[in-house]
Amino acid sequence: MRTARNLVNSLFSRTSELLSTLSPTEVVDAFGMVRSIAAVAGCPDAKRMDPRALTDIIELITDALRRTPYGRPLEFEYPLIISVSASNYCPFACSNCYSNAGVTSARSRTHDRLQIFAKVAASKTPFVIVSGGEPLVADGIEDCLKLLLDSGKLVYLSTNALVEKHLGLARQNNGRLSFILPVWGNRKRHNAKRGANSFERVEQNLAVLNAAGLKPHVLVVLSDTDFSVFEDVERLTRSYMIEVVTISRRIDVGRVETAPIKFSQDHWRQLQIWQRKLQRRVGLVACDLPEMHGQKSSGPMQRMLGLPRHEGCSAGNWMMHIDDAGQGYPCFSFEGQRDQSVASELSIVEQWKKIRTLRSHFPVGALCVAEHSMRPKGVTT
């Protein structure tokens, strides 16, 4: 197996050296060589990605293979994914929000926001998730998004607002700018958490985006083991075109509902049934629950390359977060925790190095490093 790893390292290294001479079509073909490894790191399908982002992924993974000892998790020189808070202001005041954002938060200045987005755009990170606060009410947000898109990034924007004003930019960048529409329970529970008519805004956004020929992502966030949310989500998949449904769970940080979610074997079976039902109507159903990581077996490519099965969350492993002041964190749920922040004046690579150091202090395999590090003493799960 080590011999196979050495051969693959040599092949990928040669490919990496040739990237600057390859045509866009050849870059796509080269990406096919590392697609299965990219999947290990949580890399989504990149069928319509900019060749620059494809090149960055190939270089990121080939470098990680060279630097990582056999049998160890991949060590990335820079993050595969960066999430960015576009603003610390949000007009919705969702009762379930664990962000520092709110209606009383000060709005960031447009110039400062542009500088932060320009810094992310200049990095080699191929995937960027834009959130908030509410990003679509941030002044100059389209200019910020254009900085990312013009640099070849694949951008996901999570919103609870109406998207109609931004359809032009979305159409111009179809496949590279995707809207994420979060759903926090069935219609009644979602509206109770996210504000009156919030679920109806999700439906309105789906209709508007579909009319423009766009298929958004739906993020299902489980607050507990009430799976009635999937009945309404299945209705959405029957009525609208949806590219991806991602199933996640809430994080027990800064919340009123702090009891950990306990999934039984019966709950896992129910989730699998709902996944199969939803897969009939959408391009991809991804179950991104940290409790499931230990249940997934390593693929043949992973075993051949000596890459262990991933356990624990992605924070500080291949993902980092930047708040609206430019400070870096292992993930968005650390915002406001000074002892977990990294100075804004550092470059992305320098911030990432410090975040990797912070991550090394957390338990190996922690399902959620934020929950572990911010849990009151004496509280266990």
Protein backbone atom coordinates (compact mmCIF):
# COMPACT_ATOMS: atom_id res chain seq x y z
CA MET A 1 0.00 0.00 0.00
CA ARG A 2 2.85 2.40 0.76
CA THR A 3 4.30 1.67 -2.68
CA ALA A 4 0.94 2.55 -4.24
CA ARG A 5 0.89 5.78 -2.26
CA ASN A 6 4.38 6.68 -3.51
CA LEU A 7 3.36 6.01 -7.12
CA VAL A 8 0.21 8.11 -6.76
CA ASN A 9 2.19 10.91 -5.10
CA SER A 10 4.61 10.89 -8.04
CA LEU A 11 1.77 10.93 -10.58
CA PHE A 12 -0.10 13.75 -8.83
CA SER A 13 3.10 15.75 -8.36
CA ARG A 14 3.81 15.55 -12.08
CA THR A 15 0.24 16.59 -12.86
CA SER A 16 0.54 19.52 -10.45
CA GLU A 17 3.75 20.68 -12.16
CA LEU A 18 2.02 20.62 -15.56
CA LEU A 19 -1.12 22.49 -14.49
CA SER A 20 0.08 25.86 -15.77
CA THR A 21 0.45 24.40 -19.30
CA LEU A 22 -2.91 22.58 -19.43
CA SER A 23 -5.98 23.76 -21.32
CA PRO A 24 -9.29 24.14 -19.40
CA THR A 25 -10.44 20.75 -20.77
CA GLU A 26 -7.23 19.08 -19.65
CA VAL A 27 -7.59 20.64 -16.20
CA VAL A 28 -11.06 19.09 -15.90
CA ASP A 29 -9.60 15.71 -16.90
CA ALA A 30 -6.83 16.12 -14.32
CA PHE A 31 -9.42 16.88 -11.65
CA GLY A 32 -10.98 13.49 -12.39
CA MET A 33 -7.78 11.91 -11.07
CA VAL A 34 -8.28 13.44 -7.61
CA ARG A 35 -12.08 13.53 -7.44
CA SER A 36 -12.32 10.59 -5.03
CA ILE A 37 -9.74 12.17 -2.73
CA ALA A 38 -11.58 15.49 -2.91
CA ALA A 39 -14.69 13.65 -1.73
CA VAL A 40 -12.78 12.53 1.38
CA ALA A 41 -12.34 16.20 2.28
CA GLY A 42 -16.01 16.95 1.77
CA CYS A 43 -15.50 18.55 -1.65
CA PRO A 44 -18.83 18.88 -3.52
CA ASP A 45 -19.30 17.97 -7.15
CA ALA A 46 -17.56 20.52 -9.38
CA LYS A 47 -19.12 19.79 -12.75
CA ARG A 48 -19.35 23.45 -13.75
CA MET A 49 -16.42 24.91 -11.86
CA ASP A 50 -14.00 27.50 -13.11
CA PRO A 51 -10.70 25.90 -14.25
CA ARG A 52 -8.86 28.12 -11.74
CA ALA A 53 -10.78 26.55 -8.86
CA LEU A 54 -10.15 23.09 -10.29
CA THR A 55 -6.44 23.87 -10.45
CA ASP A 56 -6.48 25.06 -6.83
CA ILE A 57 -8.17 21.82 -5.72
CA ILE A 58 -5.63 19.67 -7.54
CA GLU A 59 -2.72 21.62 -6.09
CA LEU A 60 -4.25 21.58 -2.61
CA ILE A 61 -4.76 17.81 -2.62
CA THR A 62 -1.47 16.88 -4.27
CA ASP A 63 0.41 19.07 -1.78
CA ALA A 64 -1.53 17.49 1.11
CA LEU A 65 -0.65 13.99 -0.12
CA ARG A 66 3.04 14.90 -0.29
CA ARG A 67 3.16 16.48 3.16
CA THR A 68 0.96 13.98 5.05
CA PRO A 69 2.55 10.85 6.55
CA TYR A 70 1.02 7.53 5.49
CA GLY A 71 -1.91 6.61 7.75
CA ARG A 72 -2.57 10.18 8.87
CA PRO A 73 -5.48 12.50 7.91
CA LEU A 74 -4.63 14.91 5.09
CA GLU A 75 -2.88 18.09 6.21
CA PHE A 76 -3.94 20.99 3.99
CA GLU A 77 -1.72 23.99 3.38
CA TYR A 78 -4.78 26.22 3.13
CA PRO A 79 -8.50 25.58 3.74
CA LEU A 80 -10.65 23.84 1.18
CA ILE A 81 -13.67 25.86 2.35
CA ILE A 82 -13.93 29.33 3.90
CA SER A 83 -17.18 30.63 5.38
CA VAL A 84 -17.51 34.41 5.59
CA SER A 85 -19.92 36.53 7.63
CA ALA A 86 -20.92 39.31 5.26
CA SER A 87 -22.40 41.35 8.09
CA ASN A 88 -23.10 41.32 11.80
CA TYR A 89 -26.55 42.78 11.13
CA CYS A 90 -29.74 40.79 10.58
CA PRO A 91 -33.31 42.12 10.45
CA PHE A 92 -35.01 38.81 11.27
CA ALA A 93 -34.07 38.05 14.91
CA CYS A 94 -34.55 34.29 14.54
CA SER A 95 -35.13 32.72 17.96
CA ASN A 96 -32.78 29.83 17.15
CA CYS A 97 -29.78 31.93 16.02
CA TYR A 98 -26.40 31.21 17.61
CA SER A 99 -24.66 33.99 15.66
CA ASN A 100 -23.60 37.33 17.16
CA ALA A 101 -25.80 39.00 14.57
CA GLY A 102 -29.02 40.84 15.34
CA VAL A 103 -31.16 43.87 14.60
CA THR A 104 -29.21 45.91 17.16
CA SER A 105 -25.79 44.98 15.74
CA ALA A 106 -23.85 47.70 13.97
CA ARG A 107 -23.63 47.45 10.20
CA SER A 108 -20.12 46.88 8.86
CA ARG A 109 -18.71 49.48 6.50
CA THR A 110 -18.80 48.62 2.80
CA HIS A 111 -15.09 49.41 2.35
CA ASP A 112 -14.09 47.04 5.15
CA ARG A 113 -16.35 44.33 3.77
CA LEU A 114 -14.83 44.66 0.31
CA GLN A 115 -11.34 44.33 1.78
CA ILE A 116 -12.27 41.10 3.57
CA PHE A 117 -13.85 39.60 0.45
CA ALA A 118 -10.87 40.69 -1.66
CA LYS A 119 -8.58 38.89 0.76
CA VAL A 120 -10.62 35.68 0.45
CA ALA A 121 -10.79 36.09 -3.34
CA ALA A 122 -6.99 36.29 -3.50
CA SER A 123 -6.58 33.01 -1.60
CA LYS A 124 -6.34 29.57 -3.21
CA THR A 125 -9.40 28.28 -1.36
CA PRO A 126 -11.87 27.12 -4.06
CA PHE A 127 -15.15 27.07 -2.07
CA VAL A 128 -16.67 29.99 -0.16
CA ILE A 129 -19.86 29.99 1.92
CA VAL A 130 -21.31 33.46 2.53
CA SER A 131 -23.58 33.94 5.53
CA GLY A 132 -24.19 36.61 8.14
CA GLY A 133 -26.11 38.06 9.83
CA GLU A 134 -28.22 38.29 6.74
CA PRO A 135 -25.87 38.70 3.76
CA LEU A 136 -28.45 40.03 1.30
CA VAL A 137 -29.07 43.17 3.39
CA ALA A 138 -25.35 44.00 3.59
CA ASP A 139 -24.42 47.16 1.66
CA GLY A 140 -22.33 46.37 -1.42
CA ILE A 141 -22.92 42.61 -1.19
CA GLU A 142 -23.06 42.19 -4.99
CA ASP A 143 -19.65 43.81 -5.39
CA CYS A 144 -18.32 41.46 -2.72
CA LEU A 145 -19.78 38.43 -4.46
CA LYS A 146 -18.35 39.56 -7.79
CA LEU A 147 -14.86 39.64 -6.25
CA LEU A 148 -15.23 35.97 -5.34
CA LEU A 149 -16.83 34.93 -8.62
CA ASP A 150 -14.34 36.83 -10.77
CA SER A 151 -11.53 34.95 -9.01
CA GLY A 152 -13.10 31.61 -10.00
CA LYS A 153 -14.57 30.61 -6.61
CA LEU A 154 -17.60 28.39 -6.25
CA VAL A 155 -19.84 30.47 -3.97
CA TYR A 156 -22.73 29.39 -1.77
CA LEU A 157 -24.90 32.09 -0.18
CA SER A 158 -27.12 31.15 2.78
CA THR A 159 -30.10 33.45 3.19
CA ASN A 160 -33.41 33.94 4.95
CA ALA A 161 -34.24 36.97 2.77
CA LEU A 162 -35.83 37.35 -0.68
CA VAL A 163 -33.36 36.77 -3.53
CA GLU A 164 -35.24 38.47 -6.39
CA LYS A 165 -32.96 41.54 -6.56
CA HIS A 166 -29.93 39.32 -7.11
CA LEU A 167 -31.22 37.12 -9.93
CA GLY A 168 -29.11 38.93 -12.54
CA LEU A 169 -25.85 38.04 -10.81
CA ALA A 170 -27.07 34.49 -10.21
CA ARG A 171 -27.98 33.99 -13.89
CA GLN A 172 -24.62 35.35 -15.03
CA ASN A 173 -22.87 32.85 -12.75
CA ASN A 174 -25.20 29.87 -13.01
CA GLY A 175 -23.45 26.87 -11.48
CA ARG A 176 -20.89 29.00 -9.60
CA LEU A 177 -23.24 31.04 -7.38
CA SER A 178 -25.78 28.93 -5.50
CA PHE A 179 -28.35 30.01 -2.94
CA ILE A 180 -28.78 27.94 0.21
CA LEU A 181 -32.27 28.11 1.72
CA PRO A 182 -32.28 26.81 5.32
CA VAL A 183 -35.32 24.96 6.68
CA TRP A 184 -35.56 24.52 10.47
CA GLY A 185 -38.54 22.19 10.88
CA ASN A 186 -41.93 21.79 9.28
CA ARG A 187 -43.79 24.92 8.19
CA LYS A 188 -45.20 25.70 11.64
CA ARG A 189 -41.96 25.08 13.55
CA HIS A 190 -39.83 26.88 10.96
CA ASN A 191 -42.00 30.02 11.13
CA ALA A 192 -41.91 29.93 14.92
CA LYS A 193 -38.10 29.93 14.85
CA ARG A 194 -37.30 32.02 11.77
CA GLY A 195 -40.14 34.53 11.86
CA ALA A 196 -43.68 34.77 10.45
CA ASN A 197 -43.92 33.81 6.76
CA SER A 198 -40.29 32.65 6.70
CA PHE A 199 -41.24 29.26 5.26
CA GLU A 200 -43.34 31.07 2.67
CA ARG A 201 -40.22 33.09 1.74
CA VAL A 202 -38.43 29.81 1.10
CA GLU A 203 -41.22 28.82 -1.29
CA GLN A 204 -41.19 32.25 -2.95
CA ASN A 205 -37.43 32.06 -3.44
CA LEU A 206 -37.71 28.57 -4.93
CA ALA A 207 -40.36 29.77 -7.38
CA VAL A 208 -38.39 32.88 -8.40
CA LEU A 209 -35.12 30.97 -8.85
CA ASN A 210 -36.77 28.18 -10.82
CA ALA A 211 -38.44 30.73 -13.11
CA ALA A 212 -34.94 32.08 -13.82
CA GLY A 213 -33.69 28.58 -14.65
CA LEU A 214 -31.81 28.21 -11.35
CA LYS A 215 -31.91 25.34 -8.88
CA PRO A 216 -31.01 26.28 -5.28
CA HIS A 217 -29.87 24.15 -2.36
CA VAL A 218 -32.11 23.39 0.61
CA LEU A 219 -30.42 22.97 4.00
CA VAL A 220 -32.48 20.91 6.46
CA VAL A 221 -31.34 21.64 10.02
CA LEU A 222 -32.56 19.15 12.61
CA SER A 223 -33.23 20.67 16.04
CA ASP A 224 -34.30 17.34 17.53
CA THR A 225 -35.59 13.95 16.38
CA ASP A 226 -38.89 15.32 15.05
CA PHE A 227 -38.56 14.31 11.39
CA SER A 228 -41.88 15.86 10.29
CA VAL A 229 -39.70 18.47 8.56
CA PHE A 230 -39.07 15.93 5.79
CA GLU A 231 -42.78 15.78 4.91
CA ASP A 232 -42.70 19.49 4.02
CA VAL A 233 -39.29 19.19 2.34
CA GLU A 234 -40.57 16.33 0.19
CA ARG A 235 -43.50 18.55 -0.83
CA LEU A 236 -40.99 21.21 -1.83
CA THR A 237 -39.08 18.71 -3.99
CA ARG A 238 -42.33 17.77 -5.75
CA SER A 239 -43.23 21.40 -6.46
CA TYR A 240 -39.83 22.94 -7.25
CA MET A 241 -36.49 22.10 -8.85
CA ILE A 242 -33.83 21.69 -6.15
CA GLU A 243 -30.18 20.90 -6.86
CA VAL A 244 -29.11 19.57 -3.45
CA VAL A 245 -30.76 18.77 -0.12
CA THR A 246 -28.26 18.77 2.76
CA ILE A 247 -29.32 17.33 6.10
CA SER A 248 -27.48 18.82 9.07
CA ARG A 249 -28.20 19.46 12.74
CA ARG A 250 -28.13 22.45 15.03
CA ILE A 251 -25.04 23.12 17.13
CA ASP A 252 -25.41 23.33 20.91
CA VAL A 253 -23.62 26.68 21.19
CA GLY A 254 -25.26 29.82 22.57
CA ARG A 255 -28.69 28.20 22.45
CA VAL A 256 -31.71 27.93 24.69
CA GLU A 257 -32.23 24.36 23.48
CA THR A 258 -28.89 23.02 24.69
CA ALA A 259 -29.72 19.34 25.23
CA PRO A 260 -27.71 17.23 22.78
CA ILE A 261 -29.60 15.35 20.09
CA LYS A 262 -29.57 11.61 20.68
CA PHE A 263 -30.04 9.54 17.53
CA SER A 264 -31.16 5.96 18.06
CA GLN A 265 -30.77 3.18 15.51
CA ASP A 266 -34.43 3.67 14.62
CA HIS A 267 -33.75 7.36 13.93
CA TRP A 268 -30.88 6.44 11.61
CA ARG A 269 -33.17 4.05 9.74
CA GLN A 270 -35.81 6.78 9.39
CA LEU A 271 -33.18 9.18 8.05
CA GLN A 272 -32.05 6.65 5.47
CA ILE A 273 -35.65 6.13 4.34
CA TRP A 274 -36.15 9.88 3.93
CA GLN A 275 -32.86 10.19 2.06
CA ARG A 276 -34.01 7.58 -0.45
CA LYS A 277 -37.38 9.31 -0.89
CA LEU A 278 -35.78 12.70 -1.49
CA GLN A 279 -33.18 11.29 -3.87
CA ARG A 280 -35.93 10.48 -6.36
CA ARG A 281 -36.44 14.18 -7.09
CA VAL A 282 -33.16 16.03 -6.43
CA GLY A 283 -29.64 15.79 -7.82
CA LEU A 284 -28.02 14.98 -4.48
CA VAL A 285 -29.06 14.33 -0.88
CA ALA A 286 -26.13 14.80 1.50
CA CYS A 287 -26.45 13.77 5.14
CA ASP A 288 -23.84 15.93 6.89
CA LEU A 289 -24.28 14.74 10.46
CA PRO A 290 -21.07 14.41 12.48
CA GLU A 291 -22.50 11.36 14.28
CA MET A 292 -22.52 9.54 10.94
CA HIS A 293 -18.82 9.99 10.18
CA GLY A 294 -17.83 7.00 12.30
CA GLN A 295 -20.41 4.84 10.52
CA LYS A 296 -18.97 5.38 7.05
CA SER A 297 -16.37 2.92 5.84
CA SER A 298 -13.25 3.99 3.97
CA GLY A 299 -13.40 3.68 0.19
CA PRO A 300 -10.86 1.66 -1.83
CA MET A 301 -8.94 4.80 -2.91
CA GLN A 302 -8.67 5.93 0.72
CA ARG A 303 -7.38 2.55 1.82
CA MET A 304 -4.89 2.38 -1.04
CA LEU A 305 -3.48 5.81 -0.16
CA GLY A 306 -3.39 5.15 3.57
CA LEU A 307 -5.97 7.85 4.36
CA PRO A 308 -7.94 7.02 7.53
CA ARG A 309 -11.70 7.38 7.74
CA HIS A 310 -12.60 10.92 8.76
CA GLU A 311 -14.02 11.30 12.25
CA GLY A 312 -15.09 14.56 13.83
CA CYS A 313 -16.00 17.90 12.32
CA SER A 314 -14.32 19.82 9.51
CA ALA A 315 -13.44 22.91 11.59
CA GLY A 316 -9.70 23.45 11.37
CA ASN A 317 -9.28 20.30 9.30
CA TRP A 318 -10.27 21.71 5.91
CA MET A 319 -12.58 24.57 6.82
CA MET A 320 -12.23 27.96 8.55
CA HIS A 321 -14.47 30.94 9.22
CA ILE A 322 -13.91 34.71 8.88
CA ASP A 323 -16.20 37.15 10.66
CA ASP A 324 -17.27 40.57 9.40
CA ALA A 325 -14.23 42.15 11.12
CA GLY A 326 -11.83 39.84 9.26
CA GLN A 327 -10.92 37.69 12.27
CA GLY A 328 -10.40 33.98 11.68
CA TYR A 329 -11.96 31.08 13.61
CA PRO A 330 -12.10 27.28 13.27
CA CYS A 331 -15.81 27.65 12.38
CA PHE A 332 -18.66 30.16 12.49
CA SER A 333 -19.91 29.00 15.90
CA PHE A 334 -16.74 30.40 17.56
CA GLU A 335 -17.57 34.01 16.62
CA GLY A 336 -17.01 36.33 19.56
CA GLN A 337 -14.77 33.86 21.43
CA ARG A 338 -11.57 35.91 21.71
CA ASP A 339 -9.44 32.99 22.86
CA GLN A 340 -10.35 31.16 19.63
CA SER A 341 -9.89 34.07 17.21
CA VAL A 342 -6.99 34.83 14.90
CA ALA A 343 -5.97 38.40 14.06
CA SER A 344 -7.52 39.94 10.95
CA GLU A 345 -4.29 41.52 9.66
CA LEU A 346 -2.75 38.11 8.93
CA SER A 347 -2.95 36.50 5.50
CA ILE A 348 -5.33 33.58 4.92
CA VAL A 349 -2.43 31.11 5.02
CA GLU A 350 -1.11 32.61 8.28
CA GLN A 351 -4.59 32.57 9.83
CA TRP A 352 -5.00 28.96 8.73
CA LYS A 353 -1.73 27.92 10.39
CA LYS A 354 -2.86 29.40 13.70
CA ILE A 355 -6.30 27.84 13.35
CA ARG A 356 -4.66 24.46 12.73
CA THR A 357 -2.75 24.97 15.98
CA LEU A 358 -5.98 25.79 17.81
CA ARG A 359 -7.59 22.69 16.30
CA SER A 360 -4.76 20.50 17.57
CA HIS A 361 -5.79 21.36 21.14
CA PHE A 362 -9.25 19.84 20.67
CA PRO A 363 -9.89 16.11 21.22
CA VAL A 364 -9.20 13.90 18.22
CA GLY A 365 -12.49 12.82 16.67
CA ALA A 366 -14.61 15.45 18.49
CA LEU A 367 -17.96 15.48 16.71
CA CYS A 368 -18.17 19.26 17.09
CA VAL A 369 -15.15 21.17 18.40
CA ALA A 370 -17.28 24.24 19.19
CA GLU A 371 -19.67 22.27 21.38
CA HIS A 372 -16.77 20.60 23.15
CA SER A 373 -14.75 23.76 23.79
CA MET A 374 -17.69 25.93 24.90
CA ARG A 375 -19.60 23.38 26.95
CA PRO A 376 -19.84 24.40 30.62
CA LYS A 377 -17.60 22.42 32.97
CA GLY A 378 -19.19 19.24 34.22
CA VAL A 379 -21.55 18.98 31.23
CA THR A 380 -20.99 15.96 29.00
CA THR A 381 -22.76 14.36 26.09
